[in-house]
Amino acid sequence: MDLFYQRSHFWGRLTLFIIIIMSLMPPLYISFVMDAHPGWGVIGAGILGYASFIGIMWILEPITYYPTLGVAGTYLAFLTGNIANMCLPCSSAAQKAVGAEPGSQKAEVAGVFGIAVASLTNIIILVIMILGGTYFISILPPFVEGMFGFVLPAIFGAVLGQFAYRTPKYGIIALVIGMAVLFAPIFSLIKIPICVALTIAVVLFMEKQKGNLNG
């Protein structure tokens, strides 16, 4: 596992760095080759506005998702995107398929395979949808298109059910905390991290009270 972590860090950092460079190439080309630079003031204002809206997630998301994704899974998930609605569910499904205990090394390796297969499938579907998606969507009945809005809640519900089945008490606690945070007067961007942090804290406290945790 030490070699696995070492190579995960090497290839994870390398691929993310390459993606960052590739992401910067189109705007740099448009700005300095095609002479369409909007000005540093506009760029700075855009960055500041975006960071004030979503910047907190740059710190909270890696911390929140790491316990489930692990080292390699974190690199892969942030490389491919769709973490909450694809990588996390597929990672947990792969862990369950092999009977791995959440947080174990076996679970981490299984999760990587789940994310990798999901990412590959996502790319294939995206290519198909890009080539013929407009036509495909146009022939769908209206009631089918209306169902798309329920995909993400259904995924989260399935993940909750998967873990709550093992420990129903903790599932109910997570549901109660989630509903309380959902209707609480706080920023939407930090609701998921707060919900996760509170649930973990309560579960750890209960486990410690039962003597299952040391310290």
N, C-alpha and C. Protein backbone atom coordinates (compact mmCIF):
# COMPACT_ATOMS: atom_id res chain seq x y z
N MET A 1 0.82 -1.21 0.00
CA MET A 1 0.00 0.00 0.00
C MET A 1 0.85 1.26 0.00
N ASP A 2 2.05 1.19 0.60
CA ASP A 2 2.93 2.37 0.56
C ASP A 2 3.30 2.72 -0.87
N LEU A 3 3.61 1.69 -1.67
CA LEU A 3 3.93 1.93 -3.08
C LEU A 3 2.70 2.43 -3.83
N PHE A 4 1.54 1.90 -3.47
CA PHE A 4 0.29 2.35 -4.09
C PHE A 4 0.05 3.83 -3.82
N TYR A 5 0.24 4.25 -2.57
CA TYR A 5 0.05 5.66 -2.22
C TYR A 5 1.09 6.54 -2.91
N GLN A 6 2.32 6.05 -2.95
CA GLN A 6 3.39 6.83 -3.58
C GLN A 6 3.09 7.08 -5.06
N ARG A 7 2.68 6.05 -5.75
CA ARG A 7 2.37 6.20 -7.17
C ARG A 7 1.08 6.99 -7.38
N SER A 8 0.14 6.86 -6.46
CA SER A 8 -1.09 7.64 -6.55
C SER A 8 -0.79 9.13 -6.48
N HIS A 9 0.07 9.51 -5.54
CA HIS A 9 0.45 10.92 -5.41
C HIS A 9 1.20 11.40 -6.67
N PHE A 10 2.09 10.57 -7.18
CA PHE A 10 2.89 10.98 -8.35
C PHE A 10 1.99 11.19 -9.56
N TRP A 11 1.21 10.17 -9.91
CA TRP A 11 0.38 10.28 -11.11
C TRP A 11 -0.80 11.22 -10.91
N GLY A 12 -1.31 11.28 -9.68
CA GLY A 12 -2.41 12.20 -9.40
C GLY A 12 -1.99 13.65 -9.58
N ARG A 13 -0.85 14.01 -9.01
CA ARG A 13 -0.36 15.38 -9.14
C ARG A 13 0.01 15.70 -10.58
N LEU A 14 0.63 14.73 -11.25
CA LEU A 14 1.06 14.97 -12.63
C LEU A 14 -0.13 15.19 -13.55
N THR A 15 -1.13 14.32 -13.46
CA THR A 15 -2.29 14.46 -14.36
C THR A 15 -3.09 15.72 -14.05
N LEU A 16 -3.25 16.06 -12.77
CA LEU A 16 -3.97 17.28 -12.43
C LEU A 16 -3.22 18.51 -12.93
N PHE A 17 -1.90 18.50 -12.83
CA PHE A 17 -1.10 19.62 -13.32
C PHE A 17 -1.24 19.76 -14.84
N ILE A 18 -1.24 18.63 -15.55
CA ILE A 18 -1.42 18.66 -17.01
C ILE A 18 -2.79 19.22 -17.37
N ILE A 19 -3.82 18.79 -16.64
CA ILE A 19 -5.17 19.28 -16.91
C ILE A 19 -5.28 20.78 -16.65
N ILE A 20 -4.62 21.26 -15.59
CA ILE A 20 -4.63 22.70 -15.29
C ILE A 20 -4.00 23.48 -16.44
N ILE A 21 -2.85 23.00 -16.93
CA ILE A 21 -2.18 23.67 -18.05
C ILE A 21 -3.06 23.65 -19.29
N MET A 22 -3.68 22.51 -19.59
CA MET A 22 -4.54 22.41 -20.76
C MET A 22 -5.78 23.30 -20.64
N SER A 23 -6.30 23.44 -19.41
CA SER A 23 -7.46 24.30 -19.20
C SER A 23 -7.12 25.78 -19.42
N LEU A 24 -5.87 26.14 -19.15
CA LEU A 24 -5.45 27.54 -19.32
C LEU A 24 -5.08 27.87 -20.77
N MET A 25 -4.80 26.86 -21.56
CA MET A 25 -4.36 27.12 -22.94
C MET A 25 -5.40 27.84 -23.80
N PRO A 26 -6.69 27.43 -23.81
CA PRO A 26 -7.67 28.14 -24.65
C PRO A 26 -7.81 29.63 -24.32
N PRO A 27 -7.99 30.00 -23.02
CA PRO A 27 -8.10 31.45 -22.74
C PRO A 27 -6.81 32.21 -23.04
N LEU A 28 -5.65 31.57 -22.81
CA LEU A 28 -4.39 32.24 -23.14
C LEU A 28 -4.25 32.44 -24.64
N TYR A 29 -4.67 31.45 -25.41
CA TYR A 29 -4.62 31.57 -26.87
C TYR A 29 -5.56 32.67 -27.36
N ILE A 30 -6.78 32.67 -26.82
CA ILE A 30 -7.75 33.69 -27.23
C ILE A 30 -7.28 35.09 -26.83
N SER A 31 -6.65 35.18 -25.64
CA SER A 31 -6.24 36.49 -25.13
C SER A 31 -5.04 37.06 -25.86
N PHE A 32 -4.00 36.24 -26.08
CA PHE A 32 -2.73 36.79 -26.55
C PHE A 32 -2.42 36.46 -28.01
N VAL A 33 -3.01 35.41 -28.54
CA VAL A 33 -2.78 35.09 -29.95
C VAL A 33 -3.86 35.74 -30.83
N MET A 34 -5.11 35.63 -30.40
CA MET A 34 -6.20 36.23 -31.15
C MET A 34 -6.47 37.68 -30.73
N ASP A 35 -5.67 38.16 -29.79
CA ASP A 35 -5.73 39.56 -29.33
C ASP A 35 -7.14 39.92 -28.84
N ALA A 36 -7.70 39.07 -27.99
CA ALA A 36 -9.04 39.32 -27.45
C ALA A 36 -9.01 39.35 -25.93
N HIS A 37 -7.92 39.87 -25.37
CA HIS A 37 -7.78 39.92 -23.92
C HIS A 37 -8.77 40.94 -23.34
N PRO A 38 -9.59 40.53 -22.35
CA PRO A 38 -10.60 41.44 -21.82
C PRO A 38 -10.07 42.47 -20.83
N GLY A 39 -8.84 42.30 -20.37
CA GLY A 39 -8.28 43.20 -19.37
C GLY A 39 -8.18 42.52 -18.01
N TRP A 40 -7.10 42.82 -17.28
CA TRP A 40 -6.87 42.15 -16.00
C TRP A 40 -7.89 42.55 -14.94
N GLY A 41 -8.43 43.76 -15.06
CA GLY A 41 -9.45 44.18 -14.11
C GLY A 41 -10.69 43.33 -14.19
N VAL A 42 -11.14 43.04 -15.40
CA VAL A 42 -12.32 42.19 -15.59
C VAL A 42 -12.04 40.77 -15.10
N ILE A 43 -10.85 40.27 -15.42
CA ILE A 43 -10.48 38.91 -14.99
C ILE A 43 -10.42 38.84 -13.47
N GLY A 44 -9.79 39.83 -12.84
CA GLY A 44 -9.69 39.85 -11.39
C GLY A 44 -11.05 39.91 -10.72
N ALA A 45 -11.94 40.75 -11.27
CA ALA A 45 -13.28 40.85 -10.70
C ALA A 45 -14.04 39.54 -10.85
N GLY A 46 -13.86 38.87 -11.99
CA GLY A 46 -14.52 37.58 -12.19
C GLY A 46 -14.02 36.53 -11.22
N ILE A 47 -12.69 36.49 -11.03
CA ILE A 47 -12.12 35.51 -10.10
C ILE A 47 -12.60 35.78 -8.68
N LEU A 48 -12.60 37.07 -8.28
CA LEU A 48 -13.03 37.43 -6.93
C LEU A 48 -14.50 37.08 -6.71
N GLY A 49 -15.33 37.37 -7.71
CA GLY A 49 -16.75 37.06 -7.57
C GLY A 49 -17.00 35.57 -7.50
N TYR A 50 -16.29 34.80 -8.33
CA TYR A 50 -16.48 33.35 -8.33
C TYR A 50 -15.95 32.74 -7.03
N ALA A 51 -14.78 33.23 -6.58
CA ALA A 51 -14.19 32.68 -5.36
C ALA A 51 -15.06 32.97 -4.14
N SER A 52 -15.68 34.16 -4.10
CA SER A 52 -16.54 34.49 -2.97
C SER A 52 -17.78 33.61 -2.94
N PHE A 53 -18.17 33.09 -4.09
CA PHE A 53 -19.37 32.26 -4.19
C PHE A 53 -19.09 30.79 -3.95
N ILE A 54 -17.99 30.30 -4.50
CA ILE A 54 -17.71 28.86 -4.48
C ILE A 54 -16.37 28.51 -3.84
N GLY A 55 -15.58 29.54 -3.48
CA GLY A 55 -14.21 29.30 -3.01
C GLY A 55 -14.11 28.41 -1.80
N ILE A 56 -15.07 28.49 -0.90
CA ILE A 56 -15.00 27.68 0.31
C ILE A 56 -15.02 26.20 0.01
N MET A 57 -15.65 25.83 -1.12
CA MET A 57 -15.73 24.42 -1.48
C MET A 57 -14.39 23.88 -1.94
N TRP A 58 -13.47 24.77 -2.34
CA TRP A 58 -12.14 24.31 -2.75
C TRP A 58 -11.41 23.67 -1.58
N ILE A 59 -11.77 24.07 -0.37
CA ILE A 59 -11.14 23.53 0.83
C ILE A 59 -12.00 22.42 1.44
N LEU A 60 -13.30 22.66 1.49
CA LEU A 60 -14.18 21.73 2.19
C LEU A 60 -14.42 20.43 1.42
N GLU A 61 -14.52 20.50 0.09
CA GLU A 61 -14.84 19.29 -0.68
C GLU A 61 -13.76 18.21 -0.55
N PRO A 62 -12.46 18.52 -0.71
CA PRO A 62 -11.46 17.45 -0.54
C PRO A 62 -11.49 16.83 0.85
N ILE A 63 -11.72 17.68 1.88
CA ILE A 63 -11.77 17.16 3.25
C ILE A 63 -13.00 16.29 3.45
N THR A 64 -14.13 16.74 2.90
CA THR A 64 -15.39 16.02 3.09
C THR A 64 -15.41 14.69 2.36
N TYR A 65 -14.89 14.67 1.14
CA TYR A 65 -14.99 13.46 0.31
C TYR A 65 -13.86 12.47 0.56
N TYR A 66 -12.74 12.92 1.14
CA TYR A 66 -11.57 12.05 1.29
C TYR A 66 -11.85 10.76 2.06
N PRO A 67 -12.61 10.79 3.18
CA PRO A 67 -12.82 9.53 3.92
C PRO A 67 -13.42 8.41 3.07
N THR A 68 -14.25 8.76 2.09
CA THR A 68 -14.87 7.75 1.23
C THR A 68 -14.01 7.45 0.01
N LEU A 69 -13.39 8.47 -0.57
CA LEU A 69 -12.65 8.29 -1.82
C LEU A 69 -11.24 7.75 -1.60
N GLY A 70 -10.60 8.12 -0.50
CA GLY A 70 -9.21 7.71 -0.30
C GLY A 70 -8.26 8.56 -1.13
N VAL A 71 -6.98 8.19 -1.12
CA VAL A 71 -5.95 8.98 -1.81
C VAL A 71 -6.14 8.95 -3.32
N ALA A 72 -6.06 7.76 -3.90
CA ALA A 72 -6.17 7.64 -5.36
C ALA A 72 -7.55 8.05 -5.84
N GLY A 73 -8.58 7.69 -5.10
CA GLY A 73 -9.93 8.05 -5.50
C GLY A 73 -10.16 9.55 -5.50
N THR A 74 -9.51 10.26 -4.57
CA THR A 74 -9.64 11.72 -4.53
C THR A 74 -9.03 12.35 -5.76
N TYR A 75 -7.82 11.91 -6.13
CA TYR A 75 -7.19 12.43 -7.34
C TYR A 75 -8.05 12.16 -8.57
N LEU A 76 -8.52 10.94 -8.67
CA LEU A 76 -9.29 10.55 -9.86
C LEU A 76 -10.63 11.28 -9.91
N ALA A 77 -11.28 11.40 -8.77
CA ALA A 77 -12.59 12.06 -8.74
C ALA A 77 -12.49 13.53 -9.10
N PHE A 78 -11.49 14.21 -8.57
CA PHE A 78 -11.34 15.63 -8.87
C PHE A 78 -10.80 15.85 -10.28
N LEU A 79 -10.22 14.83 -10.86
CA LEU A 79 -9.78 14.92 -12.25
C LEU A 79 -10.96 14.80 -13.20
N THR A 80 -11.88 13.89 -12.92
CA THR A 80 -12.99 13.63 -13.83
C THR A 80 -14.23 14.47 -13.52
N GLY A 81 -14.39 14.90 -12.25
CA GLY A 81 -15.56 15.68 -11.88
C GLY A 81 -16.75 14.80 -11.55
N ASN A 82 -17.93 15.42 -11.40
CA ASN A 82 -19.15 14.71 -11.04
C ASN A 82 -18.95 13.88 -9.77
N ILE A 83 -18.34 14.49 -8.76
CA ILE A 83 -17.98 13.73 -7.56
C ILE A 83 -19.21 13.28 -6.79
N ALA A 84 -20.09 14.24 -6.46
CA ALA A 84 -21.23 13.91 -5.61
C ALA A 84 -22.23 13.00 -6.28
N ASN A 85 -22.46 13.21 -7.59
CA ASN A 85 -23.52 12.45 -8.26
C ASN A 85 -23.01 11.27 -9.07
N MET A 86 -21.68 11.03 -9.09
CA MET A 86 -21.18 9.86 -9.82
C MET A 86 -20.09 9.15 -9.04
N CYS A 87 -19.02 9.86 -8.71
CA CYS A 87 -17.85 9.19 -8.12
C CYS A 87 -18.15 8.60 -6.74
N LEU A 88 -18.77 9.38 -5.87
CA LEU A 88 -19.08 8.87 -4.54
C LEU A 88 -20.03 7.67 -4.56
N PRO A 89 -21.15 7.74 -5.28
CA PRO A 89 -22.03 6.56 -5.31
C PRO A 89 -21.36 5.34 -5.91
N CYS A 90 -20.57 5.53 -6.98
CA CYS A 90 -19.91 4.38 -7.61
C CYS A 90 -18.83 3.81 -6.72
N SER A 91 -18.14 4.69 -6.00
CA SER A 91 -17.12 4.21 -5.07
C SER A 91 -17.75 3.37 -3.95
N SER A 92 -18.83 3.87 -3.36
CA SER A 92 -19.48 3.12 -2.28
C SER A 92 -20.11 1.83 -2.80
N ALA A 93 -20.62 1.86 -4.04
CA ALA A 93 -21.21 0.65 -4.61
C ALA A 93 -20.14 -0.42 -4.83
N ALA A 94 -18.96 -0.01 -5.30
CA ALA A 94 -17.87 -0.96 -5.51
C ALA A 94 -17.40 -1.55 -4.18
N GLN A 95 -17.34 -0.71 -3.15
CA GLN A 95 -16.94 -1.19 -1.83
C GLN A 95 -17.93 -2.22 -1.29
N LYS A 96 -19.21 -1.94 -1.51
CA LYS A 96 -20.23 -2.88 -1.04
C LYS A 96 -20.17 -4.19 -1.83
N ALA A 97 -19.87 -4.10 -3.13
CA ALA A 97 -19.85 -5.29 -3.98
C ALA A 97 -18.80 -6.30 -3.53
N VAL A 98 -17.68 -5.80 -3.00
CA VAL A 98 -16.61 -6.71 -2.57
C VAL A 98 -16.63 -6.94 -1.06
N GLY A 99 -17.64 -6.36 -0.39
CA GLY A 99 -17.76 -6.56 1.05
C GLY A 99 -16.68 -5.89 1.85
N ALA A 100 -16.22 -4.72 1.39
CA ALA A 100 -15.14 -4.02 2.08
C ALA A 100 -15.70 -3.12 3.17
N GLU A 101 -15.02 -3.05 4.29
CA GLU A 101 -15.42 -2.18 5.38
C GLU A 101 -15.05 -0.74 5.03
N PRO A 102 -15.99 0.20 5.13
CA PRO A 102 -15.69 1.60 4.81
C PRO A 102 -14.49 2.12 5.58
N GLY A 103 -13.57 2.78 4.86
CA GLY A 103 -12.38 3.33 5.47
C GLY A 103 -11.18 2.40 5.46
N SER A 104 -11.38 1.14 5.07
CA SER A 104 -10.28 0.19 5.04
C SER A 104 -9.50 0.31 3.73
N GLN A 105 -8.32 -0.31 3.69
CA GLN A 105 -7.51 -0.27 2.47
C GLN A 105 -8.20 -1.01 1.33
N LYS A 106 -8.88 -2.09 1.65
CA LYS A 106 -9.62 -2.83 0.63
C LYS A 106 -10.71 -1.95 0.02
N ALA A 107 -11.38 -1.19 0.88
CA ALA A 107 -12.43 -0.29 0.40
C ALA A 107 -11.86 0.79 -0.49
N GLU A 108 -10.69 1.29 -0.15
CA GLU A 108 -10.07 2.35 -0.96
C GLU A 108 -9.72 1.85 -2.36
N VAL A 109 -9.14 0.66 -2.44
CA VAL A 109 -8.78 0.09 -3.75
C VAL A 109 -10.04 -0.21 -4.55
N ALA A 110 -11.04 -0.79 -3.91
CA ALA A 110 -12.29 -1.09 -4.62
C ALA A 110 -12.95 0.19 -5.12
N GLY A 111 -12.90 1.24 -4.29
CA GLY A 111 -13.48 2.51 -4.69
C GLY A 111 -12.82 3.11 -5.91
N VAL A 112 -11.50 2.93 -6.03
CA VAL A 112 -10.79 3.44 -7.19
C VAL A 112 -11.29 2.77 -8.46
N PHE A 113 -11.48 1.45 -8.41
CA PHE A 113 -11.99 0.74 -9.58
C PHE A 113 -13.41 1.21 -9.92
N GLY A 114 -14.22 1.44 -8.89
CA GLY A 114 -15.57 1.92 -9.13
C GLY A 114 -15.58 3.28 -9.82
N ILE A 115 -14.74 4.19 -9.35
CA ILE A 115 -14.65 5.53 -9.94
C ILE A 115 -14.10 5.45 -11.36
N ALA A 116 -13.08 4.61 -11.56
CA ALA A 116 -12.46 4.51 -12.88
C ALA A 116 -13.45 4.00 -13.92
N VAL A 117 -14.19 2.94 -13.57
CA VAL A 117 -15.17 2.40 -14.51
C VAL A 117 -16.29 3.40 -14.76
N ALA A 118 -16.73 4.08 -13.70
CA ALA A 118 -17.78 5.09 -13.86
C ALA A 118 -17.31 6.23 -14.76
N SER A 119 -16.06 6.66 -14.59
CA SER A 119 -15.53 7.74 -15.41
C SER A 119 -15.43 7.33 -16.87
N LEU A 120 -14.98 6.10 -17.11
CA LEU A 120 -14.88 5.61 -18.48
C LEU A 120 -16.26 5.51 -19.12
N THR A 121 -17.22 4.99 -18.36
CA THR A 121 -18.59 4.91 -18.87
C THR A 121 -19.16 6.30 -19.16
N ASN A 122 -18.85 7.23 -18.26
CA ASN A 122 -19.33 8.61 -18.43
C ASN A 122 -18.78 9.23 -19.71
N ILE A 123 -17.50 8.98 -19.98
CA ILE A 123 -16.88 9.52 -21.20
C ILE A 123 -17.52 8.93 -22.45
N ILE A 124 -17.76 7.62 -22.42
CA ILE A 124 -18.38 6.97 -23.58
C ILE A 124 -19.79 7.54 -23.82
N ILE A 125 -20.56 7.67 -22.72
CA ILE A 125 -21.92 8.21 -22.86
C ILE A 125 -21.89 9.65 -23.34
N LEU A 126 -20.93 10.43 -22.82
CA LEU A 126 -20.82 11.83 -23.25
C LEU A 126 -20.54 11.93 -24.74
N VAL A 127 -19.65 11.08 -25.22
CA VAL A 127 -19.33 11.10 -26.65
C VAL A 127 -20.58 10.78 -27.47
N ILE A 128 -21.32 9.76 -27.03
CA ILE A 128 -22.55 9.39 -27.74
C ILE A 128 -23.56 10.53 -27.70
N MET A 129 -23.72 11.14 -26.52
CA MET A 129 -24.70 12.22 -26.38
C MET A 129 -24.29 13.46 -27.16
N ILE A 130 -22.99 13.73 -27.23
CA ILE A 130 -22.54 14.88 -28.00
C ILE A 130 -22.83 14.68 -29.48
N LEU A 131 -22.62 13.45 -29.94
CA LEU A 131 -22.82 13.16 -31.36
C LEU A 131 -24.31 13.07 -31.72
N GLY A 132 -25.12 12.51 -30.83
CA GLY A 132 -26.53 12.35 -31.19
C GLY A 132 -27.50 12.69 -30.08
N GLY A 133 -27.02 13.41 -29.05
CA GLY A 133 -27.86 13.69 -27.90
C GLY A 133 -29.04 14.59 -28.18
N THR A 134 -28.83 15.60 -29.00
CA THR A 134 -29.92 16.54 -29.30
C THR A 134 -31.10 15.82 -29.93
N TYR A 135 -30.79 14.95 -30.88
CA TYR A 135 -31.86 14.19 -31.53
C TYR A 135 -32.53 13.24 -30.55
N PHE A 136 -31.72 12.58 -29.72
CA PHE A 136 -32.26 11.61 -28.77
C PHE A 136 -33.21 12.28 -27.78
N ILE A 137 -32.80 13.44 -27.25
CA ILE A 137 -33.64 14.14 -26.28
C ILE A 137 -34.92 14.66 -26.93
N SER A 138 -34.82 15.04 -28.20
CA SER A 138 -35.98 15.60 -28.88
C SER A 138 -37.10 14.56 -29.08
N ILE A 139 -36.75 13.28 -29.09
CA ILE A 139 -37.77 12.25 -29.32
C ILE A 139 -38.30 11.66 -28.01
N LEU A 140 -37.75 12.11 -26.87
CA LEU A 140 -38.23 11.61 -25.59
C LEU A 140 -39.58 12.24 -25.25
N PRO A 141 -40.48 11.48 -24.66
CA PRO A 141 -41.76 12.06 -24.21
C PRO A 141 -41.52 13.10 -23.13
N PRO A 142 -42.38 14.10 -23.02
CA PRO A 142 -42.19 15.16 -22.02
C PRO A 142 -42.09 14.63 -20.58
N PHE A 143 -42.85 13.59 -20.25
CA PHE A 143 -42.82 13.10 -18.87
C PHE A 143 -41.47 12.47 -18.54
N VAL A 144 -40.76 11.94 -19.55
CA VAL A 144 -39.43 11.38 -19.31
C VAL A 144 -38.44 12.51 -19.04
N GLU A 145 -38.52 13.58 -19.80
CA GLU A 145 -37.63 14.72 -19.57
C GLU A 145 -37.84 15.30 -18.17
N GLY A 146 -39.08 15.28 -17.69
CA GLY A 146 -39.36 15.81 -16.36
C GLY A 146 -38.74 14.98 -15.25
N MET A 147 -38.43 13.72 -15.55
CA MET A 147 -37.82 12.85 -14.54
C MET A 147 -36.36 13.17 -14.28
N PHE A 148 -35.71 13.86 -15.21
CA PHE A 148 -34.29 14.14 -15.05
C PHE A 148 -34.00 14.93 -13.78
N GLY A 149 -34.96 15.75 -13.35
CA GLY A 149 -34.75 16.54 -12.14
C GLY A 149 -34.70 15.72 -10.87
N PHE A 150 -35.11 14.46 -10.94
CA PHE A 150 -35.11 13.60 -9.75
C PHE A 150 -33.92 12.65 -9.71
N VAL A 151 -33.02 12.75 -10.69
CA VAL A 151 -31.89 11.82 -10.75
C VAL A 151 -30.96 11.99 -9.56
N LEU A 152 -30.54 13.23 -9.29
CA LEU A 152 -29.59 13.46 -8.20
C LEU A 152 -30.18 13.11 -6.84
N PRO A 153 -31.42 13.53 -6.50
CA PRO A 153 -31.99 13.09 -5.22
C PRO A 153 -32.11 11.57 -5.11
N ALA A 154 -32.40 10.91 -6.23
CA ALA A 154 -32.51 9.44 -6.21
C ALA A 154 -31.16 8.80 -5.91
N ILE A 155 -30.09 9.36 -6.46
CA ILE A 155 -28.75 8.82 -6.20
C ILE A 155 -28.39 8.98 -4.74
N PHE A 156 -28.61 10.17 -4.19
CA PHE A 156 -28.29 10.39 -2.78
C PHE A 156 -29.14 9.50 -1.88
N GLY A 157 -30.42 9.33 -2.26
CA GLY A 157 -31.28 8.45 -1.47
C GLY A 157 -30.80 7.01 -1.49
N ALA A 158 -30.32 6.56 -2.65
CA ALA A 158 -29.82 5.19 -2.77
C ALA A 158 -28.57 4.99 -1.92
N VAL A 159 -27.68 5.99 -1.93
CA VAL A 159 -26.46 5.89 -1.12
C VAL A 159 -26.81 5.86 0.36
N LEU A 160 -27.74 6.73 0.78
CA LEU A 160 -28.17 6.73 2.18
C LEU A 160 -28.77 5.37 2.56
N GLY A 161 -29.62 4.84 1.69
CA GLY A 161 -30.23 3.55 1.97
C GLY A 161 -29.21 2.43 2.06
N GLN A 162 -28.19 2.51 1.22
CA GLN A 162 -27.16 1.47 1.20
C GLN A 162 -26.42 1.38 2.53
N PHE A 163 -26.07 2.54 3.09
CA PHE A 163 -25.32 2.54 4.35
C PHE A 163 -26.26 2.44 5.56
N ALA A 164 -27.47 3.01 5.43
CA ALA A 164 -28.41 2.96 6.55
C ALA A 164 -28.90 1.53 6.79
N TYR A 165 -28.87 0.69 5.76
CA TYR A 165 -29.31 -0.69 5.91
C TYR A 165 -28.43 -1.44 6.91
N ARG A 166 -27.13 -1.10 6.93
CA ARG A 166 -26.22 -1.77 7.86
C ARG A 166 -26.44 -1.28 9.29
N THR A 167 -26.60 0.03 9.46
CA THR A 167 -26.79 0.61 10.78
C THR A 167 -27.98 1.58 10.71
N PRO A 168 -29.19 1.07 10.85
CA PRO A 168 -30.39 1.91 10.72
C PRO A 168 -30.40 3.11 11.65
N LYS A 169 -29.87 2.95 12.87
CA LYS A 169 -29.87 4.05 13.83
C LYS A 169 -29.08 5.24 13.27
N TYR A 170 -27.91 4.96 12.72
CA TYR A 170 -27.09 6.04 12.18
C TYR A 170 -27.73 6.63 10.91
N GLY A 171 -28.46 5.79 10.18
CA GLY A 171 -29.16 6.30 9.00
C GLY A 171 -30.23 7.30 9.38
N ILE A 172 -30.97 7.01 10.45
CA ILE A 172 -32.00 7.93 10.93
C ILE A 172 -31.37 9.22 11.43
N ILE A 173 -30.25 9.09 12.15
CA ILE A 173 -29.55 10.28 12.65
C ILE A 173 -29.09 11.15 11.49
N ALA A 174 -28.52 10.52 10.46
CA ALA A 174 -28.06 11.26 9.29
C ALA A 174 -29.22 11.97 8.60
N LEU A 175 -30.35 11.29 8.51
CA LEU A 175 -31.53 11.87 7.87
C LEU A 175 -32.05 13.07 8.65
N VAL A 176 -32.10 12.94 9.98
CA VAL A 176 -32.58 14.04 10.82
C VAL A 176 -31.64 15.24 10.71
N ILE A 177 -30.33 14.99 10.78
CA ILE A 177 -29.36 16.07 10.67
C ILE A 177 -29.44 16.72 9.29
N GLY A 178 -29.59 15.89 8.27
CA GLY A 178 -29.69 16.42 6.91
C GLY A 178 -30.90 17.32 6.73
N MET A 179 -32.05 16.92 7.26
CA MET A 179 -33.25 17.74 7.15
C MET A 179 -33.10 19.03 7.94
N ALA A 180 -32.47 18.94 9.13
CA ALA A 180 -32.28 20.14 9.95
C ALA A 180 -31.37 21.15 9.25
N VAL A 181 -30.28 20.64 8.66
CA VAL A 181 -29.35 21.53 7.96
C VAL A 181 -29.99 22.09 6.70
N LEU A 182 -30.80 21.27 6.01
CA LEU A 182 -31.45 21.72 4.78
C LEU A 182 -32.32 22.94 5.01
N PHE A 183 -33.09 22.93 6.10
CA PHE A 183 -34.02 24.03 6.37
C PHE A 183 -33.43 25.09 7.29
N ALA A 184 -32.16 24.93 7.66
CA ALA A 184 -31.52 25.94 8.51
C ALA A 184 -31.16 27.18 7.68
N PRO A 185 -31.19 28.36 8.27
CA PRO A 185 -30.88 29.61 7.55
C PRO A 185 -29.38 29.81 7.38
N ILE A 186 -28.74 28.93 6.62
CA ILE A 186 -27.30 29.04 6.36
C ILE A 186 -27.07 28.99 4.86
N PHE A 187 -25.84 29.36 4.45
CA PHE A 187 -25.51 29.39 3.03
C PHE A 187 -25.63 27.99 2.43
N SER A 188 -26.17 27.93 1.22
CA SER A 188 -26.36 26.64 0.54
C SER A 188 -25.04 25.94 0.28
N LEU A 189 -23.98 26.71 0.03
CA LEU A 189 -22.69 26.12 -0.34
C LEU A 189 -22.07 25.31 0.79
N ILE A 190 -22.40 25.63 2.02
CA ILE A 190 -21.76 24.93 3.14
C ILE A 190 -22.70 23.94 3.81
N LYS A 191 -23.89 23.74 3.25
CA LYS A 191 -24.85 22.83 3.89
C LYS A 191 -24.36 21.39 3.85
N ILE A 192 -23.83 20.94 2.70
CA ILE A 192 -23.36 19.55 2.60
C ILE A 192 -22.19 19.30 3.54
N PRO A 193 -21.12 20.16 3.54
CA PRO A 193 -20.03 19.92 4.48
C PRO A 193 -20.47 19.93 5.94
N ILE A 194 -21.38 20.85 6.29
CA ILE A 194 -21.87 20.91 7.67
C ILE A 194 -22.63 19.64 8.02
N CYS A 195 -23.47 19.18 7.10
CA CYS A 195 -24.24 17.96 7.32
C CYS A 195 -23.31 16.76 7.53
N VAL A 196 -22.31 16.65 6.68
CA VAL A 196 -21.35 15.54 6.80
C VAL A 196 -20.58 15.62 8.11
N ALA A 197 -20.08 16.82 8.45
CA ALA A 197 -19.28 16.99 9.66
C ALA A 197 -20.10 16.68 10.91
N LEU A 198 -21.33 17.16 10.96
CA LEU A 198 -22.18 16.91 12.13
C LEU A 198 -22.51 15.43 12.27
N THR A 199 -22.81 14.78 11.15
CA THR A 199 -23.14 13.36 11.19
C THR A 199 -21.96 12.53 11.67
N ILE A 200 -20.77 12.84 11.13
CA ILE A 200 -19.56 12.12 11.56
C ILE A 200 -19.30 12.34 13.04
N ALA A 201 -19.45 13.59 13.50
CA ALA A 201 -19.19 13.91 14.90
C ALA A 201 -20.15 13.15 15.82
N VAL A 202 -21.43 13.12 15.46
CA VAL A 202 -22.42 12.42 16.30
C VAL A 202 -22.15 10.91 16.33
N VAL A 203 -21.85 10.34 15.16
CA VAL A 203 -21.59 8.90 15.10
C VAL A 203 -20.33 8.54 15.89
N LEU A 204 -19.27 9.35 15.75
CA LEU A 204 -18.05 9.09 16.51
C LEU A 204 -18.30 9.20 18.01
N PHE A 205 -19.11 10.17 18.41
CA PHE A 205 -19.43 10.32 19.83
C PHE A 205 -20.18 9.10 20.34
N MET A 206 -21.15 8.61 19.57
CA MET A 206 -21.92 7.45 19.99
C MET A 206 -21.06 6.19 20.04
N GLU A 207 -20.15 6.05 19.06
CA GLU A 207 -19.25 4.90 19.07
C GLU A 207 -18.30 4.95 20.26
N LYS A 208 -17.86 6.16 20.59
CA LYS A 208 -16.97 6.31 21.74
C LYS A 208 -17.69 5.99 23.05
N GLN A 209 -18.96 6.39 23.11
CA GLN A 209 -19.75 6.09 24.31
C GLN A 209 -19.96 4.59 24.48
N LYS A 210 -20.01 3.87 23.37
CA LYS A 210 -20.17 2.41 23.45
C LYS A 210 -18.86 1.69 23.65
N GLY A 211 -17.75 2.44 23.66
CA GLY A 211 -16.44 1.84 23.88
C GLY A 211 -15.81 1.23 22.64
N ASN A 212 -16.34 1.56 21.46
CA ASN A 212 -15.77 1.02 20.22
C ASN A 212 -14.60 1.83 19.71
N LEU A 213 -14.39 3.01 20.29
CA LEU A 213 -13.28 3.86 19.86
C LEU A 213 -12.42 4.18 21.07
N ASN A 214 -11.12 4.29 20.84
CA ASN A 214 -10.21 4.62 21.90
C ASN A 214 -9.86 6.11 21.82
N GLY A 215 -9.56 6.72 22.92
CA GLY A 215 -9.15 8.11 22.93
C GLY A 215 -10.32 9.04 23.11
